[in-house]
N, C-alpha and C. Protein backbone atom coordinates (compact mmCIF):
# COMPACT_ATOMS: atom_id res chain seq x y z
N MET A 1 68.02 180.42 182.00
CA MET A 1 66.52 179.98 182.79
C MET A 1 66.97 179.18 183.51
N GLN A 2 66.26 179.11 184.70
CA GLN A 2 66.52 178.32 186.11
C GLN A 2 66.07 177.33 185.73
N ARG A 3 66.23 176.20 186.02
CA ARG A 3 66.21 174.65 185.62
C ARG A 3 65.10 174.18 186.14
N GLU A 4 64.85 175.07 187.53
CA GLU A 4 63.13 174.92 187.76
C GLU A 4 61.73 175.07 186.96
N ALA A 5 62.16 176.58 186.23
CA ALA A 5 61.44 176.99 185.22
C ALA A 5 61.04 176.13 184.04
N MET A 6 62.45 175.68 183.77
CA MET A 6 62.33 174.94 182.64
C MET A 6 61.34 173.49 182.94
N LEU A 7 61.79 173.19 183.79
CA LEU A 7 60.85 172.21 184.20
C LEU A 7 58.96 172.34 184.23
N ILE A 8 59.49 173.33 184.92
CA ILE A 8 57.73 173.65 185.04
C ILE A 8 57.24 174.18 183.20
N GLN A 9 58.07 174.65 182.41
CA GLN A 9 57.52 174.74 181.21
C GLN A 9 57.46 173.75 180.30
N LEU A 10 58.30 172.76 180.35
CA LEU A 10 58.17 171.33 179.79
C LEU A 10 56.80 170.37 180.49
N GLY A 11 56.29 171.03 181.46
CA GLY A 11 55.38 170.36 181.90
C GLY A 11 55.58 169.14 183.65
N TYR A 12 56.85 169.11 183.77
CA TYR A 12 57.43 168.38 184.99
C TYR A 12 57.57 169.14 186.29
N ALA A 13 56.42 168.67 187.18
CA ALA A 13 57.05 168.98 188.86
C ALA A 13 58.06 168.93 189.02
N PRO A 14 58.91 169.92 189.78
CA PRO A 14 60.06 170.09 189.84
C PRO A 14 61.40 169.24 191.00
N ASN A 15 61.25 168.40 191.39
CA ASN A 15 61.76 167.28 192.26
C ASN A 15 63.13 167.19 191.99
N GLU A 16 64.18 167.00 192.66
CA GLU A 16 65.52 166.84 193.10
C GLU A 16 65.97 166.31 192.47
N ALA A 17 65.71 164.87 191.71
CA ALA A 17 65.77 164.57 190.71
C ALA A 17 65.83 164.84 189.35
N LEU A 18 64.54 165.05 189.39
CA LEU A 18 64.47 165.91 188.24
C LEU A 18 65.03 167.17 187.70
N VAL A 19 66.05 168.07 188.70
CA VAL A 19 66.38 168.96 188.48
C VAL A 19 67.64 167.93 188.47
N LYS A 20 68.57 167.47 188.85
CA LYS A 20 69.75 166.83 188.55
C LYS A 20 69.55 166.48 187.53
N GLN A 21 68.42 165.67 186.81
CA GLN A 21 68.49 165.35 185.05
C GLN A 21 68.38 166.21 184.67
N ILE A 22 67.99 167.75 184.18
CA ILE A 22 67.56 168.65 183.08
C ILE A 22 69.40 169.07 183.45
N GLY A 23 69.64 169.17 184.78
CA GLY A 23 71.36 170.05 184.72
C GLY A 23 72.23 168.32 183.67
N GLU A 24 72.24 167.57 183.92
CA GLU A 24 72.59 166.42 182.84
C GLU A 24 72.96 166.41 181.88
N ILE A 25 71.25 166.22 181.51
CA ILE A 25 71.10 166.81 179.99
C ILE A 25 71.41 168.45 179.13
N THR A 26 71.41 168.96 180.56
CA THR A 26 71.54 170.28 179.36
C THR A 26 73.05 170.59 179.36
N GLU A 27 73.93 170.44 180.24
CA GLU A 27 75.46 170.08 180.01
C GLU A 27 76.67 169.48 179.08
N ASN A 28 75.08 167.89 178.93
CA ASN A 28 75.82 166.84 177.81
C ASN A 28 74.91 167.72 176.53
N THR A 29 74.65 168.67 176.17
CA THR A 29 74.05 170.18 175.19
C THR A 29 74.10 170.41 174.49
N SER A 30 75.53 170.48 173.09
CA SER A 30 76.78 170.86 173.03
C SER A 30 75.56 172.03 172.45
N GLY A 31 76.65 173.23 173.07
CA GLY A 31 76.03 174.42 172.41
C GLY A 31 74.53 175.07 173.24
N TYR A 32 74.34 174.78 174.50
CA TYR A 32 72.34 174.49 175.05
C TYR A 32 72.18 175.85 175.24
N GLY A 33 73.55 176.73 175.43
CA GLY A 33 73.63 178.34 176.17
C GLY A 33 72.37 178.68 174.65
N LYS A 34 73.56 178.11 173.41
CA LYS A 34 73.07 179.55 172.00
C LYS A 34 71.83 178.91 171.24
N ILE A 35 70.66 177.68 172.11
CA ILE A 35 69.93 177.31 171.73
C ILE A 35 68.81 176.62 172.69
N GLU A 36 68.93 177.03 174.21
CA GLU A 36 67.91 177.01 174.91
C GLU A 36 66.33 178.02 174.96
N LYS A 37 66.08 179.32 174.21
CA LYS A 37 65.12 179.67 174.20
C LYS A 37 64.16 179.01 173.27
N HIS A 38 65.32 178.55 172.56
CA HIS A 38 63.96 177.94 171.27
C HIS A 38 63.82 176.24 170.91
N ILE A 39 64.72 176.25 171.71
CA ILE A 39 64.27 174.81 172.28
C ILE A 39 63.03 175.15 173.20
N MET A 40 62.31 175.83 174.04
CA MET A 40 61.79 175.78 174.68
C MET A 40 60.45 177.41 174.27
N ASP A 41 60.74 177.36 173.12
CA ASP A 41 60.19 177.81 171.76
C ASP A 41 59.15 176.74 170.74
N LEU A 42 60.55 176.50 170.64
CA LEU A 42 59.78 175.18 169.90
C LEU A 42 58.51 174.16 171.00
N SER A 43 58.72 174.26 171.80
CA SER A 43 58.24 173.46 172.28
C SER A 43 57.43 173.98 172.61
N ASP A 44 56.75 174.92 172.66
CA ASP A 44 55.49 175.52 172.81
C ASP A 44 54.79 175.80 171.53
N HIS A 45 55.06 175.64 170.32
CA HIS A 45 54.03 175.55 169.22
C HIS A 45 54.30 173.77 168.79
N LEU A 46 54.83 172.89 169.30
CA LEU A 46 54.32 172.00 169.37
C LEU A 46 53.14 171.17 169.55
N LYS A 47 52.71 172.00 170.47
CA LYS A 47 51.60 171.85 171.43
C LYS A 47 49.94 171.46 170.65
N VAL A 48 50.30 172.30 169.60
CA VAL A 48 48.84 172.13 168.85
C VAL A 48 48.78 170.87 167.45
N ASN A 49 50.06 170.30 167.68
CA ASN A 49 50.36 169.10 167.04
C ASN A 49 50.60 167.76 167.76
N ASN A 50 49.91 167.88 169.55
CA ASN A 50 50.08 166.84 169.61
C ASN A 50 51.32 166.17 170.45
N ALA A 51 52.38 167.33 169.79
CA ALA A 51 54.11 166.56 170.15
C ALA A 51 55.00 167.43 171.49
N TYR A 52 55.37 167.13 172.07
CA TYR A 52 55.79 168.10 172.94
C TYR A 52 57.11 167.56 172.93
N ILE A 53 58.33 168.37 173.72
CA ILE A 53 59.36 168.28 174.32
C ILE A 53 59.49 167.39 175.72
N ALA A 54 60.45 166.53 176.02
CA ALA A 54 60.60 165.71 176.83
C ALA A 54 61.56 165.90 177.72
N MET A 55 62.66 164.89 178.59
CA MET A 55 64.15 164.60 178.84
C MET A 55 63.64 163.20 178.20
N SER A 56 65.03 161.99 177.94
CA SER A 56 65.02 161.30 177.63
C SER A 56 65.01 160.79 178.97
N ASN A 57 64.17 159.42 179.53
CA ASN A 57 64.68 158.58 180.88
C ASN A 57 66.30 157.29 179.97
N SER A 58 66.54 157.35 179.11
CA SER A 58 67.25 156.01 178.38
C SER A 58 68.45 157.28 178.19
N THR A 59 69.13 158.28 177.42
CA THR A 59 69.57 159.38 177.47
C THR A 59 69.90 160.23 177.99
N LYS A 60 70.53 161.02 177.62
CA LYS A 60 71.34 162.07 178.56
C LYS A 60 71.23 163.38 177.15
N HIS A 61 69.74 163.65 177.12
CA HIS A 61 68.46 164.35 175.71
C HIS A 61 67.53 164.84 176.09
N PHE A 62 66.74 166.22 175.40
CA PHE A 62 66.02 166.32 175.14
C PHE A 62 65.60 165.42 174.45
N LYS A 63 64.08 164.94 173.86
CA LYS A 63 63.25 164.41 172.94
C LYS A 63 62.57 165.25 172.84
N ILE A 64 62.60 164.56 171.60
CA ILE A 64 60.88 165.56 170.45
C ILE A 64 60.00 164.23 170.42
N LYS A 65 58.87 164.09 171.24
CA LYS A 65 57.84 163.45 170.82
C LYS A 65 56.52 164.05 169.98
N ILE A 66 56.27 162.64 168.70
CA ILE A 66 55.23 163.26 168.35
C ILE A 66 53.79 161.79 168.37
N GLU A 67 53.68 163.04 168.73
CA GLU A 67 51.45 161.67 169.06
C GLU A 67 50.84 162.39 168.44
N SER A 68 51.21 162.43 167.57
CA SER A 68 49.72 163.56 166.55
C SER A 68 48.76 162.72 166.05
N PRO A 69 47.38 162.67 165.88
CA PRO A 69 46.22 161.68 166.04
C PRO A 69 45.68 162.23 164.19
N THR A 70 46.71 162.07 163.39
CA THR A 70 46.25 162.30 162.65
C THR A 70 47.43 162.57 161.61
N PRO A 71 47.39 161.78 160.45
CA PRO A 71 48.73 162.27 159.74
C PRO A 71 49.32 163.31 159.34
N GLU A 72 48.42 164.51 159.27
CA GLU A 72 48.34 165.89 159.07
C GLU A 72 49.37 166.74 159.66
N LEU A 73 48.18 166.08 161.31
CA LEU A 73 48.98 167.00 162.42
C LEU A 73 50.43 166.27 162.39
N ALA A 74 50.92 165.34 162.35
CA ALA A 74 52.56 164.69 162.24
C ALA A 74 52.87 165.19 161.51
N GLU A 75 52.75 165.09 160.19
CA GLU A 75 53.50 166.09 159.37
C GLU A 75 53.95 167.61 159.16
N GLU A 76 52.94 168.47 160.27
CA GLU A 76 52.56 169.34 160.28
C GLU A 76 54.17 169.41 161.37
N ALA A 77 54.05 168.98 162.42
CA ALA A 77 54.94 168.33 163.73
C ALA A 77 56.01 168.18 162.90
N HIS A 78 56.24 167.60 162.12
CA HIS A 78 58.06 166.97 161.76
C HIS A 78 58.58 168.39 160.81
N GLU A 79 57.46 169.69 160.08
CA GLU A 79 58.95 169.99 159.25
C GLU A 79 59.05 171.26 160.17
N LYS A 80 58.21 171.61 161.39
CA LYS A 80 58.49 172.14 162.23
C LYS A 80 59.82 171.90 162.86
N VAL A 81 59.43 170.30 163.37
CA VAL A 81 60.79 170.08 163.91
C VAL A 81 62.16 170.65 162.94
N ALA A 82 61.98 170.18 160.98
CA ALA A 82 63.16 170.67 160.29
C ALA A 82 63.68 171.78 160.40
N ARG A 83 62.20 172.47 160.58
CA ARG A 83 62.77 174.14 160.12
C ARG A 83 63.18 174.88 161.65
N PHE A 84 63.20 173.64 162.65
CA PHE A 84 63.88 174.24 163.67
C PHE A 84 65.49 173.78 163.73
N SER A 85 65.61 172.76 163.15
CA SER A 85 66.33 172.40 162.92
C SER A 85 67.35 173.28 162.24
N GLU A 86 67.15 173.75 160.95
CA GLU A 86 67.65 174.34 159.74
C GLU A 86 68.17 175.09 160.41
N LYS A 87 66.96 176.66 160.52
CA LYS A 87 66.64 177.73 161.25
C LYS A 87 67.91 177.81 162.13
N PHE A 88 68.11 177.18 163.09
CA PHE A 88 69.34 177.54 164.83
C PHE A 88 70.56 176.41 164.65
N LYS A 89 70.51 175.86 163.51
CA LYS A 89 71.17 174.76 163.27
C LYS A 89 71.58 174.04 164.44
N VAL A 90 70.74 173.43 164.71
CA VAL A 90 70.02 172.39 166.19
C VAL A 90 70.71 170.44 165.40
N ALA A 91 71.33 169.97 165.66
CA ALA A 91 72.01 168.50 165.56
C ALA A 91 70.74 167.92 166.00
N LEU A 92 69.52 166.65 165.07
CA LEU A 92 68.73 165.95 165.93
C LEU A 92 69.24 164.50 165.72
N GLN A 93 68.61 163.48 165.77
CA GLN A 93 69.01 162.45 165.52
C GLN A 93 67.66 161.78 165.81
N LYS A 94 66.57 161.01 164.54
CA LYS A 94 65.72 160.42 164.56
C LYS A 94 65.78 159.15 164.76
N LEU A 95 64.77 159.01 165.69
CA LEU A 95 64.81 157.46 166.21
C LEU A 95 64.34 156.48 165.13
N GLU A 96 65.11 155.73 164.93
CA GLU A 96 64.45 154.33 164.02
C GLU A 96 62.90 153.76 164.35
N SER A 97 62.02 154.25 163.69
CA SER A 97 60.54 153.27 163.83
C SER A 97 59.76 153.58 164.42
N LYS A 98 60.08 155.05 165.14
CA LYS A 98 59.51 156.11 166.22
C LYS A 98 59.38 157.22 165.30
N GLU A 99 58.41 158.53 166.20
CA GLU A 99 58.14 158.81 165.94
C GLU A 99 59.11 160.41 166.91
N THR A 100 60.13 160.07 166.61
CA THR A 100 60.92 161.09 168.69
C THR A 100 62.46 161.14 167.68
N TYR A 101 62.60 162.15 168.52
CA TYR A 101 63.96 162.98 167.62
C TYR A 101 64.69 162.75 169.03
N TYR A 102 65.95 163.27 169.23
CA TYR A 102 66.94 163.59 170.50
C TYR A 102 67.16 164.45 169.63
N ILE A 103 67.89 165.26 170.52
CA ILE A 103 68.16 166.87 170.58
C ILE A 103 69.79 166.75 170.96
N LEU A 104 70.73 167.21 169.49
CA LEU A 104 72.16 166.84 170.12
C LEU A 104 72.91 167.69 170.45
N GLY A 105 72.54 169.35 169.86
CA GLY A 105 72.99 170.59 170.36
C GLY A 105 73.09 171.40 168.82
N PHE A 106 73.67 172.32 169.67
CA PHE A 106 73.76 173.38 168.74
C PHE A 106 75.38 173.06 167.56
N GLU A 107 75.10 172.89 166.21
CA GLU A 107 75.86 172.68 165.05
C GLU A 107 77.31 173.81 164.60
N GLU A 108 78.43 174.05 165.19
CA GLU A 108 78.94 175.50 164.37
C GLU A 108 80.06 174.86 162.83
């Protein structure tokens, strides 16, 4: 997928800096080619839970942010993230005391 199209799908307005940032993130994500489609699909599935995938500003990773207004929606979002990780063998890092995960990449 083209970087500009990925940015648009994730809700960003493409510009030179964001294209560069998403390029660095995809290069830093191990096995990115194997999980790219699944990341975009997860992004779509999480929207109903007030959760989304974004680019981290502090690391070269995609992050999953869960900002659900109810505990039930938040729990459902965490379950979707867990299923995504298990089904597609994607390594995640859960941040302590935050409703945020970093997508580290494909686990072989």
